[in-house]
Amino acid sequence: MKTSTSSGLLRGAFILGAAAILSKMIGTLQKIPLQNLGGDGVFGIYTTIYSFYAFLAVFVTAALPAAISKYVAERIAGADERGVRAVLRAGLLTGCVAGVLMALGMWVLAPLLSGWIGSEHTLLPLRAVALALLVVPPMAALRGFFQGQQQALPTAVSQVSEQIVRVGVMIALLLALNSAGASDERIAAGAAFGSFAGGLAGLLVMLAFWRRHRKRKQAEFAERAEQPAAPPAFPVAGAADPQGGSVWRWIKPLLIYAVPVFVGSLSQPLLSLVDTLTVPRLLQSGGWGDLAAMEQFGVYNRGIPIVQLVFMLATSLSTLLLPAIAEAKARGEEGRIAVSASVALRWLWLLGLTAAAGLAVLAGPVNVMLYADDQGTDALRWTALSAAGGTLGIVSAALLQGMGAVRAPALFLLVSAVLKLGLNLLLVPYMGISGAALAGAVSYMVAALLGVLLLARLTGLRRGVRRTLLQPLLLAGLTALAAYAVRLLADGLLTAAGLDGRAGAMLTSLSGVAAGVIAFAAALIYTRAVSDAELSALPGGTKLAAFARRLRRES
């Protein structure tokens, strides 16, 4: 029974993880056709208003479902069917009320928010994206309910369906409004309406799973009613709760659990919100017009989707650390915590640093490949460097949370946001969007270093600082050098062949990436940045370790 439960949990975690990666990848990469079809003006308006939605939606899409999942699982463990239904109803009530209030507030306050942004072109798109807050809360509450039941498939299907419909509707409206000659403001509003369509599709999927769940429960109840009464069962922990079926009794616990999760999930939305409220206004004060400032803001956001893919991978890998660190902490195995923290930091820091270095040297061809021109290449290069600090911050926050230090990451997030605000005010007037990108890279790195320093104090990490933090710098440098050399060679050959534009940029980018990957793998093996024991721990790692020894000509 235990083995079956464990395999079910692993299978559910794999389904949820795969669906989350796929849905986030779709949601991230949809920004590229948005810019290609709508232009930088539409892209700038959309990314501006979407930051408000993303900031508000974290509560109903991440924090509240986590709370519902926790208490549903506890009620099921206590054999309290009435309590399970009460938790779901309380979650639906809380989420829907929050969603209606946020949607209404965003709709009514849209003129005020537009004034804060400094662009009247954001008014209609703000109201369009506010509609999504009406349908997302019940969808997210049902996801939390099924996750509490250890059923991963409903959430997975809903997540992927939501993103596919959102992107499909967005592209359809972009094409229709573009051909009709609509203004940038109306085209951006059409793109924002895709969030409502996607949320509605996700909700319909969850309602279909809910209907099937109810029918199954009704069939089970009817079957039990036909059987003779069973003898009294032994008491189950949590079952004897006279208030377990009360909806109102669960609202407060749900909020108490959800609010810290909400705060801990605000890293990227909060920094995006800081940019939204400062960068367009600072550009306007520097002489850019309203719509021109929105176009520049769109150019500034070109590098964000690529960096988000790195963050997404780091977040997915970091979630695997929490159970192991929490278990070691509970058992008082301080040595195991220090080793796990050192390995996790080295791997994720290596990932982020290498990605940042590679994208920085390939920023020019990547920009042309994805967006058709090289506007904002310097800003994209600075944005790429955010991958290093952001990845290190994600893994250090996960390690700290696993050790029970849940308030520290939230505090470091606040420090990062305040620093981002100050650096924007200082750098944007002189450097434009490149200043905002540099401010982001510095802010992410400061928050990451604060997390690493606290980890060092809690785990004694200082002993391995050279191997953990400094050795990856060498590998990233070698990777960037190889990618840059191949980029120069490819540029020369393709120019001589008369192949330029997006096709030439794509070939240059892919050649540089391939060279960087090969150089990285070779450096990884020959510098022993990853030991044979660590390679052996990976799936198929025994063969990898043997292959690495053969390359080094070791027995």
Protein backbone atom coordinates (compact mmCIF):
# COMPACT_ATOMS: atom_id res chain seq x y z
CA MET A 1 0.00 0.00 0.00
CA LYS A 2 2.78 2.40 0.89
CA THR A 3 4.60 1.66 -2.35
CA SER A 4 1.42 2.24 -4.32
CA THR A 5 0.82 5.54 -2.60
CA SER A 6 4.39 6.67 -3.18
CA SER A 7 4.28 5.76 -6.86
CA GLY A 8 0.95 7.57 -7.17
CA LEU A 9 2.44 10.69 -5.63
CA LEU A 10 5.46 10.54 -7.95
CA ARG A 11 3.22 9.99 -10.97
CA GLY A 12 1.04 12.93 -9.93
CA ALA A 13 4.08 15.15 -9.36
CA PHE A 14 5.43 14.21 -12.80
CA ILE A 15 2.10 14.99 -14.51
CA LEU A 16 1.76 18.32 -12.73
CA GLY A 17 5.40 19.24 -13.38
CA ALA A 18 5.21 18.37 -17.08
CA ALA A 19 1.92 20.27 -17.48
CA ALA A 20 3.28 23.29 -15.61
CA ILE A 21 6.41 23.39 -17.79
CA LEU A 22 4.40 23.00 -21.01
CA SER A 23 1.78 25.60 -20.05
CA LYS A 24 4.38 28.10 -18.87
CA MET A 25 6.41 27.56 -22.02
CA ILE A 26 3.33 28.25 -24.16
CA GLY A 27 2.49 31.31 -22.07
CA THR A 28 6.04 32.63 -22.25
CA LEU A 29 6.69 32.03 -25.93
CA GLN A 30 3.34 33.59 -26.94
CA LYS A 31 4.97 36.98 -26.41
CA ILE A 32 7.12 36.45 -29.50
CA PRO A 33 4.20 36.22 -32.01
CA LEU A 34 2.54 39.04 -30.07
CA GLN A 35 5.46 41.33 -30.87
CA ASN A 36 5.87 39.99 -34.41
CA LEU A 37 2.20 40.54 -35.30
CA GLY A 38 1.39 43.59 -33.21
CA GLY A 39 4.71 45.43 -33.16
CA ASP A 40 6.61 46.96 -30.25
CA GLY A 41 3.83 49.44 -29.44
CA VAL A 42 1.23 46.72 -28.88
CA PHE A 43 3.82 44.57 -27.12
CA GLY A 44 4.72 47.43 -24.77
CA ILE A 45 1.09 48.19 -23.90
CA TYR A 46 0.29 44.51 -23.34
CA THR A 47 3.28 43.83 -21.09
CA THR A 48 2.49 47.00 -19.14
CA ILE A 49 -1.10 46.09 -18.30
CA TYR A 50 -0.39 42.37 -17.89
CA SER A 51 1.96 43.09 -14.99
CA PHE A 52 -1.01 44.38 -12.96
CA TYR A 53 -3.05 41.26 -13.76
CA ALA A 54 -0.14 38.92 -12.98
CA PHE A 55 0.47 40.65 -9.64
CA LEU A 56 -3.18 40.35 -8.55
CA ALA A 57 -3.77 36.88 -9.99
CA VAL A 58 -0.99 35.28 -7.90
CA PHE A 59 -3.37 35.13 -4.92
CA VAL A 60 -6.17 33.24 -6.70
CA THR A 61 -4.02 31.14 -9.05
CA ALA A 62 -1.19 30.05 -6.72
CA ALA A 63 -1.75 30.90 -3.04
CA LEU A 64 -5.42 29.98 -2.58
CA PRO A 65 -5.23 26.64 -4.48
CA ALA A 66 -2.26 25.66 -2.29
CA ALA A 67 -4.32 26.34 0.83
CA ILE A 68 -7.36 24.46 -0.50
CA SER A 69 -5.16 21.51 -1.44
CA LYS A 70 -3.65 21.34 2.05
CA TYR A 71 -6.95 21.37 3.96
CA VAL A 72 -8.75 19.04 1.53
CA ALA A 73 -5.94 16.50 2.01
CA GLU A 74 -6.24 16.84 5.80
CA ARG A 75 -10.03 16.34 5.73
CA ILE A 76 -9.66 13.28 3.50
CA ALA A 77 -7.09 11.84 5.92
CA GLY A 78 -9.63 12.43 8.70
CA ALA A 79 -12.42 10.72 6.71
CA ASP A 80 -14.42 13.96 6.91
CA GLU A 81 -16.43 14.15 3.68
CA ARG A 82 -18.49 17.09 4.94
CA GLY A 83 -15.28 18.92 5.79
CA VAL A 84 -13.90 18.33 2.28
CA ARG A 85 -17.01 19.88 0.75
CA ALA A 86 -16.87 22.78 3.21
CA VAL A 87 -13.23 23.53 2.36
CA LEU A 88 -14.06 23.58 -1.35
CA ARG A 89 -17.06 25.85 -0.83
CA ALA A 90 -15.05 28.18 1.40
CA GLY A 91 -12.27 28.27 -1.20
CA LEU A 92 -14.73 28.98 -4.02
CA LEU A 93 -16.40 31.71 -1.98
CA THR A 94 -13.10 33.32 -1.00
CA GLY A 95 -11.64 33.11 -4.49
CA CYS A 96 -14.75 34.37 -6.28
CA VAL A 97 -15.23 37.29 -3.88
CA ALA A 98 -11.54 38.20 -4.23
CA GLY A 99 -11.77 37.87 -8.01
CA VAL A 100 -14.88 40.04 -8.31
CA LEU A 101 -13.39 42.70 -6.03
CA MET A 102 -10.10 42.74 -7.94
CA ALA A 103 -11.83 42.78 -11.35
CA LEU A 104 -14.21 45.55 -10.25
CA GLY A 105 -11.37 47.54 -8.70
CA MET A 106 -9.22 47.17 -11.83
CA TRP A 107 -12.14 48.20 -14.08
CA VAL A 108 -13.16 51.23 -12.00
CA LEU A 109 -9.60 52.33 -11.23
CA ALA A 110 -8.35 51.83 -14.80
CA PRO A 111 -8.20 55.61 -15.45
CA LEU A 112 -6.17 56.09 -12.25
CA LEU A 113 -3.83 53.20 -13.12
CA SER A 114 -3.41 54.62 -16.62
CA GLY A 115 -2.41 57.92 -15.03
CA TRP A 116 0.14 56.18 -12.83
CA ILE A 117 1.62 54.42 -15.85
CA GLY A 118 1.57 57.69 -17.76
CA SER A 119 -0.17 56.38 -20.90
CA GLU A 120 -3.81 56.79 -21.88
CA HIS A 121 -3.34 53.92 -24.33
CA THR A 122 -3.44 51.43 -21.44
CA LEU A 123 -7.01 52.25 -20.31
CA LEU A 124 -8.97 49.87 -22.58
CA PRO A 125 -6.47 46.97 -22.28
CA LEU A 126 -6.56 47.27 -18.47
CA ARG A 127 -10.31 46.78 -18.52
CA ALA A 128 -10.04 43.91 -21.00
CA VAL A 129 -7.58 41.95 -18.86
CA ALA A 130 -9.65 42.64 -15.70
CA LEU A 131 -12.38 40.33 -17.06
CA ALA A 132 -10.09 37.31 -16.61
CA LEU A 133 -10.25 37.80 -12.82
CA LEU A 134 -13.95 36.80 -12.96
CA VAL A 135 -13.34 33.29 -14.33
CA VAL A 136 -9.87 32.38 -13.03
CA PRO A 137 -10.75 32.07 -9.25
CA PRO A 138 -13.31 29.21 -9.51
CA MET A 139 -11.02 27.39 -11.94
CA ALA A 140 -8.05 27.71 -9.56
CA ALA A 141 -10.15 26.65 -6.52
CA LEU A 142 -11.23 23.45 -8.29
CA ARG A 143 -7.58 22.79 -9.19
CA GLY A 144 -6.67 23.01 -5.52
CA PHE A 145 -9.52 20.65 -4.64
CA PHE A 146 -8.37 17.95 -7.05
CA GLN A 147 -4.72 18.37 -6.04
CA GLY A 148 -5.80 17.80 -2.43
CA GLN A 149 -7.38 14.56 -3.64
CA GLN A 150 -4.00 13.67 -5.24
CA GLN A 151 -5.57 13.82 -8.69
CA ALA A 152 -3.11 15.60 -10.96
CA LEU A 153 -4.79 15.02 -14.33
CA PRO A 154 -7.59 17.63 -14.01
CA THR A 155 -5.13 20.41 -13.19
CA ALA A 156 -2.75 19.32 -15.94
CA VAL A 157 -5.44 19.22 -18.65
CA SER A 158 -6.89 22.53 -17.43
CA GLN A 159 -3.51 24.31 -17.43
CA VAL A 160 -2.62 23.24 -20.96
CA SER A 161 -6.14 23.94 -22.28
CA GLU A 162 -6.10 27.40 -20.71
CA GLN A 163 -2.83 28.36 -22.36
CA ILE A 164 -3.68 26.91 -25.78
CA VAL A 165 -7.02 28.75 -25.92
CA ARG A 166 -5.49 31.95 -24.55
CA VAL A 167 -2.76 32.01 -27.17
CA GLY A 168 -5.13 30.90 -29.96
CA VAL A 169 -7.69 33.63 -29.21
CA MET A 170 -4.93 36.22 -28.81
CA ILE A 171 -3.40 35.42 -32.20
CA ALA A 172 -6.81 35.28 -33.90
CA LEU A 173 -7.75 38.71 -32.52
CA LEU A 174 -4.32 40.11 -33.40
CA LEU A 175 -4.76 39.03 -37.03
CA ALA A 176 -8.37 40.26 -37.23
CA LEU A 177 -7.73 43.65 -35.60
CA ASN A 178 -4.52 44.19 -37.58
CA SER A 179 -6.31 43.56 -40.87
CA ALA A 180 -9.09 45.93 -39.78
CA GLY A 181 -6.53 48.69 -39.16
CA ALA A 182 -7.31 48.99 -35.43
CA SER A 183 -5.22 51.20 -33.15
CA ASP A 184 -2.42 49.78 -30.97
CA GLU A 185 -4.64 50.29 -27.92
CA ARG A 186 -7.48 48.18 -29.33
CA ILE A 187 -5.12 45.48 -30.62
CA ALA A 188 -3.52 45.23 -27.17
CA ALA A 189 -7.00 45.02 -25.60
CA GLY A 190 -7.82 42.14 -27.97
CA ALA A 191 -4.63 40.35 -26.95
CA ALA A 192 -5.48 40.92 -23.28
CA PHE A 193 -8.97 39.46 -23.84
CA GLY A 194 -7.22 36.16 -24.60
CA SER A 195 -6.63 35.80 -20.84
CA PHE A 196 -10.40 35.79 -20.26
CA ALA A 197 -10.96 33.24 -23.04
CA GLY A 198 -8.18 31.00 -21.70
CA GLY A 199 -9.48 31.25 -18.13
CA LEU A 200 -12.99 30.34 -19.32
CA ALA A 201 -11.65 27.31 -21.20
CA GLY A 202 -9.71 26.18 -18.11
CA LEU A 203 -12.83 26.62 -15.96
CA LEU A 204 -14.98 24.55 -18.35
CA VAL A 205 -12.41 21.75 -18.23
CA MET A 206 -12.43 21.79 -14.42
CA LEU A 207 -16.25 21.79 -14.34
CA ALA A 208 -16.25 18.73 -16.60
CA PHE A 209 -13.91 16.91 -14.21
CA TRP A 210 -16.01 18.09 -11.25
CA ARG A 211 -19.20 16.73 -12.84
CA ARG A 212 -17.55 13.36 -13.39
CA HIS A 213 -16.26 13.40 -9.79
CA ARG A 214 -19.77 14.09 -8.43
CA LYS A 215 -21.30 11.27 -10.46
CA ARG A 216 -18.69 8.86 -9.15
CA LYS A 217 -19.30 9.98 -5.56
CA GLN A 218 -23.08 9.62 -5.99
CA ALA A 219 -22.61 6.11 -7.36
CA GLU A 220 -20.39 5.19 -4.39
CA PHE A 221 -22.96 6.62 -1.94
CA ALA A 222 -25.78 4.65 -3.56
CA GLU A 223 -23.70 1.47 -3.41
CA ARG A 224 -22.94 1.99 0.28
CA ALA A 225 -26.61 2.64 1.02
CA GLU A 226 -27.55 -0.78 -0.37
CA GLN A 227 -25.03 -2.57 1.86
CA PRO A 228 -25.68 -3.52 5.54
CA ALA A 229 -24.37 -1.03 8.08
CA ALA A 230 -20.74 -1.57 9.00
CA PRO A 231 -19.62 -1.82 12.63
CA PRO A 232 -18.36 1.45 14.18
CA ALA A 233 -14.88 2.30 12.96
CA PHE A 234 -12.05 3.27 15.25
CA PRO A 235 -11.64 7.06 15.73
CA VAL A 236 -9.65 8.82 13.01
CA ALA A 237 -7.56 11.90 13.74
CA GLY A 238 -9.42 15.01 12.60
CA ALA A 239 -12.78 13.26 12.12
CA ALA A 240 -14.35 14.42 15.37
CA ASP A 241 -14.77 18.05 14.37
CA PRO A 242 -18.35 19.34 14.79
CA GLN A 243 -17.44 22.44 12.81
CA GLY A 244 -15.80 20.49 9.98
CA GLY A 245 -18.76 21.03 7.66
CA SER A 246 -19.09 24.76 8.24
CA VAL A 247 -18.07 26.92 5.27
CA TRP A 248 -17.40 30.00 7.39
CA ARG A 249 -15.14 28.04 9.75
CA TRP A 250 -12.65 27.47 6.89
CA ILE A 251 -12.28 30.94 5.40
CA LYS A 252 -9.87 32.21 8.06
CA PRO A 253 -7.51 29.17 7.94
CA LEU A 254 -7.45 29.37 4.14
CA LEU A 255 -6.44 33.03 4.27
CA ILE A 256 -3.85 32.48 7.00
CA TYR A 257 -2.17 29.78 4.89
CA ALA A 258 -2.58 31.54 1.53
CA VAL A 259 -1.21 34.99 2.39
CA PRO A 260 2.41 33.88 3.10
CA VAL A 261 2.37 31.77 -0.09
CA PHE A 262 1.12 34.84 -1.95
CA VAL A 263 3.95 36.99 -0.59
CA GLY A 264 6.54 34.33 -1.40
CA SER A 265 5.33 34.10 -5.03
CA LEU A 266 5.61 37.81 -5.82
CA SER A 267 9.26 38.02 -6.89
CA GLN A 268 8.93 38.43 -10.63
CA PRO A 269 5.44 40.07 -10.64
CA LEU A 270 6.60 42.68 -8.14
CA LEU A 271 9.70 43.65 -10.11
CA SER A 272 7.60 43.77 -13.30
CA LEU A 273 5.14 46.06 -11.51
CA VAL A 274 7.98 48.35 -10.44
CA ASP A 275 9.05 48.60 -14.10
CA THR A 276 5.48 49.27 -15.23
CA LEU A 277 5.03 52.15 -12.80
CA THR A 278 8.41 53.78 -13.46
CA VAL A 279 9.97 53.04 -16.85
CA PRO A 280 7.28 54.54 -19.18
CA ARG A 281 7.08 57.72 -17.09
CA LEU A 282 10.86 58.07 -16.90
CA LEU A 283 11.10 57.62 -20.68
CA GLN A 284 8.46 60.32 -21.18
CA SER A 285 10.32 62.68 -18.88
CA GLY A 286 13.37 62.07 -21.09
CA GLY A 287 11.54 63.31 -24.19
CA TRP A 288 9.72 60.24 -25.51
CA GLY A 289 6.05 60.66 -26.41
CA ASP A 290 3.26 58.52 -24.91
CA LEU A 291 3.07 55.85 -27.62
CA ALA A 292 6.82 56.04 -28.33
CA ALA A 293 7.50 55.31 -24.65
CA MET A 294 5.20 52.27 -24.88
CA GLU A 295 7.14 51.08 -27.94
CA GLN A 296 10.42 51.45 -26.06
CA PHE A 297 8.93 49.55 -23.13
CA GLY A 298 8.00 46.78 -25.56
CA VAL A 299 11.59 46.68 -26.85
CA TYR A 300 12.80 46.52 -23.24
CA ASN A 301 10.63 43.45 -22.61
CA ARG A 302 12.01 41.48 -25.56
CA GLY A 303 14.49 39.56 -23.41
CA ILE A 304 12.00 38.74 -20.63
CA PRO A 305 10.43 35.63 -22.28
CA ILE A 306 13.85 34.01 -22.78
CA VAL A 307 14.97 34.68 -19.21
CA GLN A 308 11.60 33.43 -17.93
CA LEU A 309 12.29 30.05 -19.52
CA VAL A 310 15.47 29.79 -17.44
CA PHE A 311 13.56 30.85 -14.31
CA MET A 312 10.85 28.30 -15.09
CA LEU A 313 13.39 25.48 -15.28
CA ALA A 314 15.09 26.66 -12.07
CA THR A 315 11.75 26.84 -10.25
CA SER A 316 10.77 23.34 -11.40
CA LEU A 317 14.11 21.90 -10.23
CA SER A 318 14.01 23.84 -6.95
CA THR A 319 10.66 22.34 -5.94
CA LEU A 320 12.43 18.97 -5.76
CA LEU A 321 14.71 20.33 -3.01
CA LEU A 322 12.04 21.26 -0.46
CA PRO A 323 11.05 17.76 0.80
CA ALA A 324 14.66 16.55 1.10
CA ILE A 325 15.83 19.67 2.96
CA ALA A 326 12.76 19.68 5.25
CA GLU A 327 13.27 15.99 6.11
CA ALA A 328 16.97 16.50 6.87
CA LYS A 329 16.10 19.51 9.04
CA ALA A 330 13.51 17.50 10.98
CA ARG A 331 16.06 14.75 11.63
CA GLY A 332 18.77 17.19 12.66
CA GLU A 333 21.10 16.05 9.87
CA GLU A 334 23.02 19.30 9.51
CA GLY A 335 25.80 17.74 7.44
CA ARG A 336 23.33 16.41 4.91
CA ILE A 337 21.70 19.85 4.64
CA ALA A 338 25.07 21.51 3.97
CA VAL A 339 25.96 18.96 1.25
CA SER A 340 22.53 19.19 -0.40
CA ALA A 341 22.60 22.99 -0.30
CA SER A 342 26.09 23.11 -1.81
CA VAL A 343 25.21 20.74 -4.67
CA ALA A 344 21.91 22.51 -5.42
CA LEU A 345 23.50 25.95 -5.41
CA ARG A 346 26.33 24.83 -7.67
CA TRP A 347 24.07 23.16 -10.22
CA LEU A 348 21.48 25.95 -10.42
CA TRP A 349 24.08 28.73 -10.29
CA LEU A 350 25.92 26.96 -13.09
CA LEU A 351 22.69 26.75 -15.11
CA GLY A 352 21.77 30.41 -14.64
CA LEU A 353 25.27 31.78 -15.12
CA THR A 354 25.90 29.76 -18.29
CA ALA A 355 22.53 30.72 -19.76
CA ALA A 356 23.19 34.39 -18.93
CA ALA A 357 26.67 34.36 -20.49
CA GLY A 358 25.54 32.52 -23.62
CA LEU A 359 22.54 34.77 -24.23
CA ALA A 360 24.61 37.90 -23.57
CA VAL A 361 27.13 37.11 -26.33
CA LEU A 362 24.40 35.94 -28.73
CA ALA A 363 22.01 38.80 -27.94
CA GLY A 364 22.30 40.41 -31.40
CA PRO A 365 21.43 37.40 -33.60
CA VAL A 366 18.85 36.12 -31.10
CA ASN A 367 17.12 39.51 -31.15
CA VAL A 368 16.93 39.52 -34.95
CA MET A 369 15.89 35.85 -35.08
CA LEU A 370 12.95 36.35 -32.69
CA TYR A 371 11.90 39.95 -33.35
CA ALA A 372 13.12 40.72 -36.91
CA ASP A 373 15.39 43.66 -35.97
CA ASP A 374 18.19 44.52 -33.55
CA GLN A 375 16.47 47.26 -31.56
CA GLY A 376 17.26 47.07 -27.87
CA THR A 377 20.10 44.57 -28.21
CA ASP A 378 22.05 46.26 -25.41
CA ALA A 379 18.98 46.08 -23.15
CA LEU A 380 18.50 42.41 -24.06
CA ARG A 381 22.14 41.75 -23.16
CA TRP A 382 21.68 43.29 -19.70
CA THR A 383 18.37 41.44 -19.27
CA ALA A 384 20.19 38.18 -20.03
CA LEU A 385 22.41 38.74 -17.02
CA SER A 386 19.28 38.62 -14.83
CA ALA A 387 19.25 34.84 -15.42
CA ALA A 388 22.31 34.43 -13.19
CA GLY A 389 21.03 36.28 -10.13
CA GLY A 390 17.42 35.20 -10.64
CA THR A 391 18.31 31.51 -10.78
CA LEU A 392 20.56 31.74 -7.73
CA GLY A 393 17.78 33.60 -5.90
CA ILE A 394 15.20 30.94 -6.76
CA VAL A 395 17.31 28.05 -5.47
CA SER A 396 18.46 29.90 -2.33
CA ALA A 397 14.85 30.82 -1.50
CA ALA A 398 13.76 27.19 -1.95
CA LEU A 399 16.56 25.97 0.33
CA LEU A 400 15.71 28.54 2.99
CA GLN A 401 12.02 27.65 2.88
CA GLY A 402 12.89 23.96 3.20
CA MET A 403 14.86 24.81 6.33
CA GLY A 404 11.91 26.71 7.78
CA ALA A 405 13.23 30.25 7.16
CA VAL A 406 10.09 31.30 5.27
CA ARG A 407 10.23 35.03 6.09
CA ALA A 408 13.76 35.65 4.80
CA PRO A 409 12.97 35.22 1.06
CA ALA A 410 10.04 37.64 1.40
CA LEU A 411 12.31 40.19 3.06
CA PHE A 412 14.95 39.78 0.35
CA LEU A 413 12.19 40.25 -2.25
CA LEU A 414 11.25 43.56 -0.64
CA VAL A 415 14.89 44.68 -0.63
CA SER A 416 15.17 43.71 -4.31
CA ALA A 417 12.04 45.67 -5.25
CA VAL A 418 13.17 48.80 -3.39
CA LEU A 419 16.61 48.55 -5.01
CA LYS A 420 15.01 48.11 -8.45
CA LEU A 421 12.92 51.23 -7.89
CA GLY A 422 15.94 53.28 -6.84
CA LEU A 423 18.14 52.06 -9.69
CA ASN A 424 15.38 52.69 -12.25
CA LEU A 425 15.11 56.27 -11.05
CA LEU A 426 18.89 56.64 -11.24
CA LEU A 427 19.74 54.81 -14.49
CA VAL A 428 16.76 55.11 -16.87
CA PRO A 429 17.12 58.90 -17.39
CA TYR A 430 20.73 58.36 -18.54
CA MET A 431 20.69 54.91 -20.15
CA GLY A 432 17.07 54.48 -21.24
CA ILE A 433 15.75 50.93 -21.33
CA SER A 434 19.29 49.57 -20.93
CA GLY A 435 19.34 51.23 -17.51
CA ALA A 436 16.13 49.42 -16.52
CA ALA A 437 17.60 46.11 -17.70
CA LEU A 438 20.83 46.71 -15.74
CA ALA A 439 18.78 47.63 -12.67
CA GLY A 440 16.96 44.30 -12.93
CA ALA A 441 20.18 42.30 -13.19
CA VAL A 442 21.64 44.04 -10.13
CA SER A 443 18.43 43.68 -8.08
CA TYR A 444 18.14 39.95 -8.75
CA MET A 445 21.80 39.44 -7.85
CA VAL A 446 21.57 41.36 -4.58
CA ALA A 447 18.55 39.34 -3.45
CA ALA A 448 20.37 36.13 -4.42
CA LEU A 449 23.54 37.07 -2.53
CA LEU A 450 21.51 37.88 0.59
CA GLY A 451 19.97 34.41 0.39
CA VAL A 452 23.35 32.73 -0.12
CA LEU A 453 24.89 34.61 2.80
CA LEU A 454 22.07 33.50 5.10
CA LEU A 455 22.46 29.92 3.86
CA ALA A 456 26.19 30.11 4.54
CA ARG A 457 25.48 31.19 8.11
CA LEU A 458 22.85 28.48 8.66
CA THR A 459 24.67 25.56 7.01
CA GLY A 460 28.39 26.34 7.15
CA LEU A 461 28.51 26.66 3.38
CA ARG A 462 31.65 28.82 3.47
CA ARG A 463 33.88 25.76 3.28
CA GLY A 464 32.84 25.00 -0.29
CA VAL A 465 32.41 28.54 -1.60
CA ARG A 466 35.19 28.24 -4.21
CA ARG A 467 33.72 25.12 -5.82
CA THR A 468 30.11 26.23 -5.34
CA LEU A 469 30.29 29.80 -6.63
CA LEU A 470 33.65 30.49 -8.29
CA GLN A 471 34.23 27.38 -10.42
CA PRO A 472 31.00 27.94 -12.43
CA LEU A 473 32.38 31.36 -13.44
CA LEU A 474 35.19 29.58 -15.31
CA LEU A 475 32.76 27.23 -17.07
CA ALA A 476 30.43 30.06 -18.04
CA GLY A 477 33.37 32.05 -19.39
CA LEU A 478 34.54 29.14 -21.55
CA THR A 479 31.00 28.59 -22.81
CA ALA A 480 30.57 32.25 -23.71
CA LEU A 481 33.96 32.36 -25.42
CA ALA A 482 33.13 29.36 -27.61
CA ALA A 483 29.68 30.76 -28.50
CA TYR A 484 31.16 34.16 -29.36
CA ALA A 485 33.94 32.70 -31.55
CA VAL A 486 31.46 30.60 -33.53
CA ARG A 487 29.13 33.61 -33.81
CA LEU A 488 31.92 35.67 -35.43
CA LEU A 489 32.79 32.81 -37.79
CA ALA A 490 29.15 32.20 -38.75
CA ASP A 491 28.56 35.94 -39.30
CA GLY A 492 31.49 36.09 -41.70
CA LEU A 493 30.54 32.95 -43.65
CA LEU A 494 26.84 33.85 -43.92
CA THR A 495 27.60 37.43 -44.97
CA ALA A 496 29.94 36.14 -47.69
CA ALA A 497 27.19 33.77 -48.82
CA GLY A 498 24.69 36.64 -48.96
CA LEU A 499 22.47 35.09 -46.28
CA ASP A 500 21.34 37.66 -43.77
CA GLY A 501 18.12 38.74 -42.06
CA ARG A 502 16.19 36.39 -39.79
CA ALA A 503 17.38 33.24 -41.55
CA GLY A 504 21.03 34.20 -41.14
CA ALA A 505 20.43 35.26 -37.53
CA MET A 506 18.77 31.92 -36.81
CA LEU A 507 21.71 29.95 -38.24
CA THR A 508 24.18 32.12 -36.31
CA SER A 509 22.22 31.72 -33.06
CA LEU A 510 21.86 27.96 -33.40
CA SER A 511 25.56 27.57 -34.28
CA GLY A 512 26.56 29.64 -31.26
CA VAL A 513 24.27 27.67 -28.95
CA ALA A 514 25.64 24.35 -30.27
CA ALA A 515 29.24 25.50 -29.77
CA GLY A 516 28.43 26.73 -26.27
CA VAL A 517 26.79 23.43 -25.31
CA ILE A 518 29.75 21.40 -26.58
CA ALA A 519 32.26 23.66 -24.79
CA PHE A 520 30.20 23.51 -21.60
CA ALA A 521 29.99 19.71 -21.64
CA ALA A 522 33.71 19.36 -22.28
CA ALA A 523 34.62 21.84 -19.53
CA LEU A 524 32.20 20.13 -17.16
CA ILE A 525 33.94 16.80 -17.67
CA TYR A 526 37.57 17.91 -17.67
CA THR A 527 37.35 20.39 -14.77
CA ARG A 528 35.38 17.91 -12.64
CA ALA A 529 32.89 20.66 -11.78
CA VAL A 530 30.41 17.81 -11.42
CA SER A 531 31.85 14.73 -9.76
CA ASP A 532 31.36 11.19 -11.03
CA ALA A 533 29.24 10.50 -7.94
CA GLU A 534 26.91 13.37 -8.82
CA LEU A 535 26.70 12.18 -12.44
CA SER A 536 25.87 8.67 -11.21
CA ALA A 537 22.92 10.04 -9.24
CA LEU A 538 21.24 11.20 -12.47
CA PRO A 539 18.94 8.94 -14.54
CA GLY A 540 21.34 6.85 -16.63
CA GLY A 541 24.14 8.48 -14.67
CA THR A 542 26.27 5.35 -14.35
CA LYS A 543 26.82 5.34 -18.10
CA LEU A 544 27.44 9.10 -18.08
CA ALA A 545 30.07 8.76 -15.37
CA ALA A 546 31.76 5.88 -17.23
CA PHE A 547 31.73 7.93 -20.45
CA ALA A 548 33.28 10.91 -18.63
CA ARG A 549 36.07 8.69 -17.27
CA ARG A 550 36.77 7.34 -20.75
CA LEU A 551 37.04 10.89 -22.12
CA ARG A 552 39.51 11.72 -19.35
CA ARG A 553 41.24 8.39 -20.12
CA GLU A 554 40.80 7.17 -16.59
CA SER A 555 40.08 3.61 -15.56
